[in-house]
C-alpha atoms as a PDB file:
ATOM      1  CA  MET A   1      14.232 -44.674 -48.613  1.00  0.00           C
ATOM      2  CA  THR A   2      13.947 -45.409 -44.902  1.00  0.00           C
ATOM      3  CA  ASP A   3      17.295 -44.314 -43.532  1.00  0.00           C
ATOM      4  CA  ARG A   4      19.839 -41.581 -44.053  1.00  0.00           C
ATOM      5  CA  ASP A   5      23.286 -42.724 -42.975  1.00  0.00           C
ATOM      6  CA  ARG A   6      25.632 -39.942 -41.981  1.00  0.00           C
ATOM      7  CA  SER A   7      28.926 -41.789 -42.096  1.00  0.00           C
ATOM      8  CA  GLU A   8      30.474 -45.134 -42.788  1.00  0.00           C
ATOM      9  CA  PRO A   9      30.045 -47.777 -40.043  1.00  0.00           C
ATOM     10  CA  ALA A  10      32.218 -47.116 -36.999  1.00  0.00           C
ATOM     11  CA  GLY A  11      35.762 -48.434 -37.053  1.00  0.00           C
ATOM     12  CA  PRO A  12      38.263 -48.684 -39.905  1.00  0.00           C
ATOM     13  CA  ALA A  13      37.719 -51.180 -42.701  1.00  0.00           C
ATOM     14  CA  GLY A  14      39.166 -54.583 -41.909  1.00  0.00           C
ATOM     15  CA  SER A  15      39.562 -53.865 -38.200  1.00  0.00           C
ATOM     16  CA  PRO A  16      39.188 -56.893 -35.914  1.00  0.00           C
ATOM     17  CA  PRO A  17      35.838 -57.422 -34.196  1.00  0.00           C
ATOM     18  CA  LEU A  18      35.331 -56.002 -30.730  1.00  0.00           C
ATOM     19  CA  PRO A  19      35.745 -58.448 -27.831  1.00  0.00           C
ATOM     20  CA  GLY A  20      32.739 -60.690 -27.303  1.00  0.00           C
ATOM     21  CA  GLY A  21      29.906 -58.929 -25.502  1.00  0.00           C
ATOM     22  CA  SER A  22      31.331 -55.410 -25.867  1.00  0.00           C
ATOM     23  CA  ILE A  23      29.183 -52.591 -27.203  1.00  0.00           C
ATOM     24  CA  ALA A  24      29.635 -51.804 -30.907  1.00  0.00           C
ATOM     25  CA  ALA A  25      26.722 -49.384 -31.400  1.00  0.00           C
ATOM     26  CA  VAL A  26      24.453 -47.177 -29.323  1.00  0.00           C
ATOM     27  CA  TRP A  27      20.999 -46.151 -30.493  1.00  0.00           C
ATOM     28  CA  PHE A  28      18.844 -43.457 -28.927  1.00  0.00           C
ATOM     29  CA  ASP A  29      15.135 -42.870 -28.761  1.00  0.00           C
ATOM     30  CA  LEU A  30      14.337 -39.336 -29.924  1.00  0.00           C
ATOM     31  CA  TYR A  31      11.187 -37.844 -28.385  1.00  0.00           C
ATOM     32  CA  GLY A  32      11.593 -37.529 -24.645  1.00  0.00           C
ATOM     33  CA  THR A  33      15.168 -38.809 -24.786  1.00  0.00           C
ATOM     34  CA  LEU A  34      17.454 -36.819 -27.088  1.00  0.00           C
ATOM     35  CA  VAL A  35      14.935 -33.982 -27.166  1.00  0.00           C
ATOM     36  CA  THR A  36      13.086 -33.054 -24.008  1.00  0.00           C
ATOM     37  CA  ILE A  37       9.335 -33.563 -24.066  1.00  0.00           C
ATOM     38  CA  GLU A  38       8.804 -31.324 -21.023  1.00  0.00           C
ATOM     39  CA  ARG A  39       9.116 -28.203 -23.155  1.00  0.00           C
ATOM     40  CA  LEU A  40       5.976 -29.223 -25.070  1.00  0.00           C
ATOM     41  CA  ALA A  41       3.985 -27.631 -22.252  1.00  0.00           C
ATOM     42  CA  ASP A  42       5.457 -24.227 -23.105  1.00  0.00           C
ATOM     43  CA  ALA A  43       4.103 -24.405 -26.641  1.00  0.00           C
ATOM     44  CA  CYS A  44       0.725 -25.598 -25.366  1.00  0.00           C
ATOM     45  CA  GLU A  45       0.551 -22.776 -22.825  1.00  0.00           C
ATOM     46  CA  ALA A  46       0.536 -20.234 -25.631  1.00  0.00           C
ATOM     47  CA  VAL A  47      -2.607 -21.883 -27.027  1.00  0.00           C
ATOM     48  CA  ALA A  48      -4.296 -22.821 -23.756  1.00  0.00           C
ATOM     49  CA  PRO A  49      -3.225 -20.365 -21.018  1.00  0.00           C
ATOM     50  CA  ARG A  50      -2.932 -21.937 -17.556  1.00  0.00           C
ATOM     51  CA  ARG A  51      -3.678 -25.347 -19.094  1.00  0.00           C
ATOM     52  CA  GLY A  52      -0.547 -25.887 -21.153  1.00  0.00           C
ATOM     53  CA  ASN A  53       0.865 -28.727 -19.079  1.00  0.00           C
ATOM     54  CA  GLU A  54      -2.502 -30.470 -18.928  1.00  0.00           C
ATOM     55  CA  LEU A  55      -2.851 -30.314 -22.693  1.00  0.00           C
ATOM     56  CA  ALA A  56       0.731 -31.441 -23.308  1.00  0.00           C
ATOM     57  CA  VAL A  57       0.378 -34.481 -21.048  1.00  0.00           C
ATOM     58  CA  ARG A  58      -2.938 -35.530 -22.592  1.00  0.00           C
ATOM     59  CA  TRP A  59      -1.597 -34.985 -26.105  1.00  0.00           C
ATOM     60  CA  ARG A  60       1.395 -37.215 -25.451  1.00  0.00           C
ATOM     61  CA  GLN A  61      -0.818 -39.896 -23.889  1.00  0.00           C
ATOM     62  CA  ARG A  62      -3.168 -39.985 -26.848  1.00  0.00           C
ATOM     63  CA  GLN A  63      -0.267 -39.940 -29.305  1.00  0.00           C
ATOM     64  CA  LEU A  64       1.343 -43.023 -27.753  1.00  0.00           C
ATOM     65  CA  GLU A  65      -1.947 -44.861 -27.286  1.00  0.00           C
ATOM     66  CA  ALA A  66      -2.810 -44.346 -30.940  1.00  0.00           C
ATOM     67  CA  SER A  67       0.601 -45.630 -32.047  1.00  0.00           C
ATOM     68  CA  TRP A  68       0.250 -48.816 -29.986  1.00  0.00           C
ATOM     69  CA  LEU A  69      -3.312 -49.431 -31.168  1.00  0.00           C
ATOM     70  CA  ARG A  70      -2.396 -48.874 -34.805  1.00  0.00           C
ATOM     71  CA  SER A  71       0.429 -51.413 -34.557  1.00  0.00           C
ATOM     72  CA  LEU A  72      -1.855 -54.011 -32.992  1.00  0.00           C
ATOM     73  CA  MET A  73      -4.653 -53.320 -35.451  1.00  0.00           C
ATOM     74  CA  GLY A  74      -2.439 -53.118 -38.526  1.00  0.00           C
ATOM     75  CA  VAL A  75      -3.854 -49.705 -39.437  1.00  0.00           C
ATOM     76  CA  TRP A  76      -0.861 -47.577 -40.397  1.00  0.00           C
ATOM     77  CA  GLU A  77      -0.486 -43.822 -40.483  1.00  0.00           C
ATOM     78  CA  PRO A  78       2.855 -41.984 -40.167  1.00  0.00           C
ATOM     79  CA  PHE A  79       3.705 -40.386 -36.853  1.00  0.00           C
ATOM     80  CA  ASP A  80       3.103 -36.810 -37.938  1.00  0.00           C
ATOM     81  CA  VAL A  81      -0.496 -37.784 -38.797  1.00  0.00           C
ATOM     82  CA  VAL A  82      -0.872 -39.695 -35.517  1.00  0.00           C
ATOM     83  CA  THR A  83       0.475 -36.667 -33.643  1.00  0.00           C
ATOM     84  CA  ARG A  84      -1.878 -34.224 -35.337  1.00  0.00           C
ATOM     85  CA  GLU A  85      -4.909 -36.447 -34.719  1.00  0.00           C
ATOM     86  CA  ALA A  86      -3.901 -36.985 -31.081  1.00  0.00           C
ATOM     87  CA  LEU A  87      -3.813 -33.231 -30.499  1.00  0.00           C
ATOM     88  CA  ALA A  88      -7.342 -32.842 -31.826  1.00  0.00           C
ATOM     89  CA  VAL A  89      -8.594 -35.647 -29.583  1.00  0.00           C
ATOM     90  CA  ALA A  90      -6.805 -34.299 -26.492  1.00  0.00           C
ATOM     91  CA  ALA A  91      -8.081 -30.757 -27.012  1.00  0.00           C
ATOM     92  CA  ASN A  92     -11.622 -32.012 -27.528  1.00  0.00           C
ATOM     93  CA  GLU A  93     -11.491 -34.115 -24.370  1.00  0.00           C
ATOM     94  CA  LEU A  94     -10.291 -31.144 -22.350  1.00  0.00           C
ATOM     95  CA  GLY A  95     -12.701 -28.677 -23.915  1.00  0.00           C
ATOM     96  CA  ILE A  96      -9.876 -26.555 -25.321  1.00  0.00           C
ATOM     97  CA  SER A  97     -10.754 -24.660 -28.475  1.00  0.00           C
ATOM     98  CA  GLY A  98      -7.746 -22.415 -28.939  1.00  0.00           C
ATOM     99  CA  PRO A  99      -5.853 -22.000 -32.218  1.00  0.00           C
ATOM    100  CA  LEU A 100      -4.489 -25.541 -32.408  1.00  0.00           C
ATOM    101  CA  ASP A 101      -2.882 -24.867 -35.772  1.00  0.00           C
ATOM    102  CA  ARG A 102      -0.210 -22.941 -33.849  1.00  0.00           C
ATOM    103  CA  LEU A 103       0.936 -26.293 -32.420  1.00  0.00           C
ATOM    104  CA  GLU A 104       1.584 -27.802 -35.828  1.00  0.00           C
ATOM    105  CA  GLY A 105       5.143 -29.097 -35.753  1.00  0.00           C
ATOM    106  CA  ALA A 106       5.578 -28.491 -32.010  1.00  0.00           C
ATOM    107  CA  PHE A 107       7.245 -31.889 -31.553  1.00  0.00           C
ATOM    108  CA  GLU A 108       9.752 -30.894 -34.225  1.00  0.00           C
ATOM    109  CA  ARG A 109      10.821 -27.789 -32.302  1.00  0.00           C
ATOM    110  CA  LEU A 110      11.663 -29.471 -28.999  1.00  0.00           C
ATOM    111  CA  PRO A 111      15.133 -28.601 -27.690  1.00  0.00           C
ATOM    112  CA  ALA A 112      17.940 -31.096 -27.261  1.00  0.00           C
ATOM    113  CA  ARG A 113      18.492 -32.496 -23.807  1.00  0.00           C
ATOM    114  CA  PRO A 114      21.377 -30.638 -22.137  1.00  0.00           C
ATOM    115  CA  ASP A 115      24.713 -32.231 -22.976  1.00  0.00           C
ATOM    116  CA  ALA A 116      23.162 -34.548 -25.579  1.00  0.00           C
ATOM    117  CA  ARG A 117      25.606 -33.466 -28.267  1.00  0.00           C
ATOM    118  CA  ALA A 118      28.548 -33.972 -25.903  1.00  0.00           C
ATOM    119  CA  LEU A 119      27.514 -37.559 -25.137  1.00  0.00           C
ATOM    120  CA  LEU A 120      26.989 -38.378 -28.803  1.00  0.00           C
ATOM    121  CA  THR A 121      30.464 -37.031 -29.526  1.00  0.00           C
ATOM    122  CA  VAL A 122      32.045 -39.122 -26.757  1.00  0.00           C
ATOM    123  CA  LEU A 123      30.423 -42.290 -28.076  1.00  0.00           C
ATOM    124  CA  ARG A 124      31.432 -41.636 -31.669  1.00  0.00           C
ATOM    125  CA  GLU A 125      35.001 -40.790 -30.672  1.00  0.00           C
ATOM    126  CA  ALA A 126      35.089 -44.160 -28.870  1.00  0.00           C
ATOM    127  CA  GLY A 127      34.555 -45.782 -32.288  1.00  0.00           C
ATOM    128  CA  LEU A 128      30.894 -46.696 -31.828  1.00  0.00           C
ATOM    129  CA  LEU A 129      28.154 -46.338 -34.379  1.00  0.00           C
ATOM    130  CA  VAL A 130      25.625 -43.880 -32.934  1.00  0.00           C
ATOM    131  CA  GLY A 131      22.089 -43.676 -34.235  1.00  0.00           C
ATOM    132  CA  VAL A 132      18.495 -42.652 -33.613  1.00  0.00           C
ATOM    133  CA  LEU A 133      15.664 -45.188 -33.672  1.00  0.00           C
ATOM    134  CA  SER A 134      12.378 -43.329 -33.538  1.00  0.00           C
ATOM    135  CA  ASN A 135       8.636 -43.589 -33.997  1.00  0.00           C
ATOM    136  CA  GLY A 136       8.860 -40.355 -35.955  1.00  0.00           C
ATOM    137  CA  SER A 137       8.376 -40.305 -39.689  1.00  0.00           C
ATOM    138  CA  GLU A 138      11.532 -39.734 -41.725  1.00  0.00           C
ATOM    139  CA  ALA A 139      10.834 -36.077 -42.482  1.00  0.00           C
ATOM    140  CA  MET A 140       9.676 -35.411 -38.920  1.00  0.00           C
ATOM    141  CA  ILE A 141      12.891 -36.864 -37.469  1.00  0.00           C
ATOM    142  CA  GLU A 142      15.058 -34.853 -39.842  1.00  0.00           C
ATOM    143  CA  ARG A 143      13.315 -31.594 -38.942  1.00  0.00           C
ATOM    144  CA  THR A 144      13.524 -32.367 -35.226  1.00  0.00           C
ATOM    145  CA  LEU A 145      17.244 -33.153 -35.325  1.00  0.00           C
ATOM    146  CA  ARG A 146      17.969 -30.063 -37.393  1.00  0.00           C
ATOM    147  CA  ALA A 147      16.024 -27.755 -35.062  1.00  0.00           C
ATOM    148  CA  ALA A 148      17.708 -29.284 -31.997  1.00  0.00           C
ATOM    149  CA  GLY A 149      21.167 -28.900 -33.514  1.00  0.00           C
ATOM    150  CA  LEU A 150      21.834 -32.651 -33.506  1.00  0.00           C
ATOM    151  CA  ASP A 151      21.770 -33.305 -37.224  1.00  0.00           C
ATOM    152  CA  GLY A 152      25.546 -33.636 -37.551  1.00  0.00           C
ATOM    153  CA  SER A 153      26.041 -35.663 -34.383  1.00  0.00           C
ATOM    154  CA  LEU A 154      24.772 -39.051 -35.598  1.00  0.00           C
ATOM    155  CA  ASP A 155      25.900 -41.829 -37.899  1.00  0.00           C
ATOM    156  CA  ALA A 156      22.479 -43.179 -38.832  1.00  0.00           C
ATOM    157  CA  VAL A 157      18.758 -42.697 -38.408  1.00  0.00           C
ATOM    158  CA  ARG A 158      16.072 -45.345 -38.548  1.00  0.00           C
ATOM    159  CA  SER A 159      12.368 -44.521 -38.740  1.00  0.00           C
ATOM    160  CA  VAL A 160       9.465 -46.885 -38.146  1.00  0.00           C
ATOM    161  CA  ASP A 161       8.330 -45.908 -41.640  1.00  0.00           C
ATOM    162  CA  ALA A 162      10.503 -48.806 -42.844  1.00  0.00           C
ATOM    163  CA  VAL A 163       8.327 -51.435 -41.135  1.00  0.00           C
ATOM    164  CA  ARG A 164       5.014 -49.592 -40.698  1.00  0.00           C
ATOM    165  CA  ARG A 165       4.881 -50.589 -37.046  1.00  0.00           C
ATOM    166  CA  TYR A 166       5.500 -48.578 -33.910  1.00  0.00           C
ATOM    167  CA  LYS A 167       7.670 -49.314 -30.917  1.00  0.00           C
ATOM    168  CA  PRO A 168       7.617 -51.561 -28.957  1.00  0.00           C
ATOM    169  CA  ASP A 169       7.007 -53.893 -31.926  1.00  0.00           C
ATOM    170  CA  PRO A 170      10.114 -56.137 -32.318  1.00  0.00           C
ATOM    171  CA  ALA A 171      10.342 -55.268 -36.022  1.00  0.00           C
ATOM    172  CA  VAL A 172      11.356 -51.732 -35.067  1.00  0.00           C
ATOM    173  CA  TYR A 173      14.289 -52.780 -32.881  1.00  0.00           C
ATOM    174  CA  ALA A 174      15.406 -55.152 -35.621  1.00  0.00           C
ATOM    175  CA  LEU A 175      16.136 -52.059 -37.736  1.00  0.00           C
ATOM    176  CA  ALA A 176      18.956 -51.114 -35.343  1.00  0.00           C
ATOM    177  CA  VAL A 177      20.409 -54.620 -35.536  1.00  0.00           C
ATOM    178  CA  GLU A 178      20.245 -54.608 -39.330  1.00  0.00           C
ATOM    179  CA  ARG A 179      22.089 -51.284 -39.584  1.00  0.00           C
ATOM    180  CA  SER A 180      24.633 -52.046 -36.860  1.00  0.00           C
ATOM    181  CA  GLY A 181      25.593 -55.429 -38.280  1.00  0.00           C
ATOM    182  CA  VAL A 182      26.122 -57.031 -34.864  1.00  0.00           C
ATOM    183  CA  SER A 183      24.054 -59.153 -32.504  1.00  0.00           C
ATOM    184  CA  PRO A 184      21.485 -57.412 -30.259  1.00  0.00           C
ATOM    185  CA  ASP A 185      23.570 -57.956 -27.115  1.00  0.00           C
ATOM    186  CA  ARG A 186      26.295 -55.728 -28.584  1.00  0.00           C
ATOM    187  CA  ILE A 187      23.915 -52.816 -29.121  1.00  0.00           C
ATOM    188  CA  GLY A 188      23.147 -50.264 -26.440  1.00  0.00           C
ATOM    189  CA  PHE A 189      19.745 -48.596 -26.510  1.00  0.00           C
ATOM    190  CA  VAL A 190      19.052 -45.417 -24.523  1.00  0.00           C
ATOM    191  CA  THR A 191      15.522 -44.254 -23.749  1.00  0.00           C
ATOM    192  CA  ALA A 192      13.647 -42.223 -21.166  1.00  0.00           C
ATOM    193  CA  ASN A 193      10.430 -44.186 -21.792  1.00  0.00           C
ATOM    194  CA  GLY A 194       9.746 -47.252 -19.661  1.00  0.00           C
ATOM    195  CA  TRP A 195       7.601 -48.980 -22.276  1.00  0.00           C
ATOM    196  CA  ASP A 196      10.398 -48.466 -24.821  1.00  0.00           C
ATOM    197  CA  ALA A 197      12.954 -49.868 -22.378  1.00  0.00           C
ATOM    198  CA  ALA A 198      10.771 -52.953 -21.942  1.00  0.00           C
ATOM    199  CA  GLY A 199      10.403 -53.453 -25.694  1.00  0.00           C
ATOM    200  CA  ALA A 200      14.090 -53.018 -26.466  1.00  0.00           C
ATOM    201  CA  GLY A 201      15.138 -55.233 -23.580  1.00  0.00           C
ATOM    202  CA  SER A 202      12.742 -57.970 -24.609  1.00  0.00           C
ATOM    203  CA  PHE A 203      14.256 -57.875 -28.084  1.00  0.00           C
ATOM    204  CA  GLY A 204      17.711 -58.364 -26.583  1.00  0.00           C
ATOM    205  CA  LEU A 205      19.276 -54.906 -26.738  1.00  0.00           C
ATOM    206  CA  ARG A 206      21.316 -53.662 -23.784  1.00  0.00           C
ATOM    207  CA  VAL A 207      19.058 -50.964 -22.470  1.00  0.00           C
ATOM    208  CA  VAL A 208      19.865 -47.851 -20.466  1.00  0.00           C
ATOM    209  CA  TRP A 209      16.695 -46.383 -18.999  1.00  0.00           C
ATOM    210  CA  LEU A 210      16.866 -42.674 -18.142  1.00  0.00           C
ATOM    211  CA  ARG A 211      14.287 -43.072 -15.400  1.00  0.00           C
ATOM    212  CA  SER A 212      13.131 -39.633 -14.258  1.00  0.00           C
ATOM    213  CA  ASP A 213      10.847 -41.020 -11.538  1.00  0.00           C
ATOM    214  CA  ARG A 214      12.845 -43.178  -9.131  1.00  0.00           C
ATOM    215  CA  SER A 215       9.701 -45.025  -8.064  1.00  0.00           C
ATOM    216  CA  ALA A 216       8.863 -46.057 -11.643  1.00  0.00           C
ATOM    217  CA  ARG A 217       9.199 -49.687 -12.671  1.00  0.00           C
ATOM    218  CA  LEU A 218       8.848 -51.438 -16.004  1.00  0.00           C
ATOM    219  CA  PRO A 219       5.432 -52.940 -16.699  1.00  0.00           C
ATOM    220  CA  PRO A 220       5.376 -56.653 -15.715  1.00  0.00           C
ATOM    221  CA  VAL A 221       5.690 -58.045 -19.240  1.00  0.00           C
ATOM    222  CA  GLY A 222       8.682 -60.347 -18.772  1.00  0.00           C
ATOM    223  CA  ALA A 223      11.326 -57.948 -20.088  1.00  0.00           C
ATOM    224  CA  PRO A 224      14.780 -58.195 -18.479  1.00  0.00           C
ATOM    225  CA  PRO A 225      15.677 -55.360 -16.107  1.00  0.00           C
ATOM    226  CA  PRO A 226      17.424 -52.472 -17.872  1.00  0.00           C
ATOM    227  CA  LEU A 227      20.430 -50.564 -16.689  1.00  0.00           C
ATOM    228  CA  VAL A 228      19.121 -47.470 -14.897  1.00  0.00           C
ATOM    229  CA  ALA A 229      21.306 -44.399 -15.078  1.00  0.00           C
ATOM    230  CA  PRO A 230      21.198 -40.609 -15.275  1.00  0.00           C
ATOM    231  CA  TRP A 231      22.210 -38.962 -18.510  1.00  0.00           C
ATOM    232  CA  ASP A 232      25.795 -38.275 -17.456  1.00  0.00           C
ATOM    233  CA  GLN A 233      26.412 -41.950 -16.611  1.00  0.00           C
ATOM    234  CA  VAL A 234      25.252 -43.501 -19.893  1.00  0.00           C
ATOM    235  CA  SER A 235      28.691 -44.098 -21.352  1.00  0.00           C
ATOM    236  CA  HIS A 236      29.966 -45.451 -18.024  1.00  0.00           C
ATOM    237  CA  VAL A 237      27.220 -48.038 -17.528  1.00  0.00           C
ATOM    238  CA  LEU A 238      27.659 -49.211 -21.116  1.00  0.00           C
ATOM    239  CA  GLY A 239      31.348 -49.734 -20.449  1.00  0.00           C
ATOM    240  CA  VAL A 240      32.491 -47.170 -23.009  1.00  0.00           C
END
């Protein structure tokens, strides 16, 4: 099983299709988007005093690099394994030998972004299907959503476990299209990660990039420019 749907598809049965080009579903990235990755440094600080932020940043870098390499190489491991291995590599590189076992599950205890639940509610009340599309393994996503208090705020969850590839592989974004039942241009995708925005945009989703650094730009890989908006403008820029 690769998905746990939380409700029937948005809209009453037999309702007419939305006008051409309008958004029918909105999918969110999880780590760094619905839950804030910045708080990872707090957990790391307890293990590596005065070096928590350094460890958190390196851990995240090695986690993402490993996911991209595994997709390209066709060497699959679920994200919880990738995350655990990335921590060991990061700590070794930095010469940190603290009790790393205390960081087991740290990604699953990250808090929700402020007002995340309110935005999810607004989108669902507008009749849209709202889901999470994440690199996390199924169990990891479920624990993260539960700890962040977002478990009841979504219609569907898709994990890369279903395709054994990591974002930004096109097969991952296809999972959102399959579940939504509409063309990619009628699906909004919200992410705080530039590489994820590039991947989703290249696939054809209508991307909202929560760009924290105003000087940041997408890598020059031919992806169409995303919509750039702060969190409180997501529904507006999607025309909801």
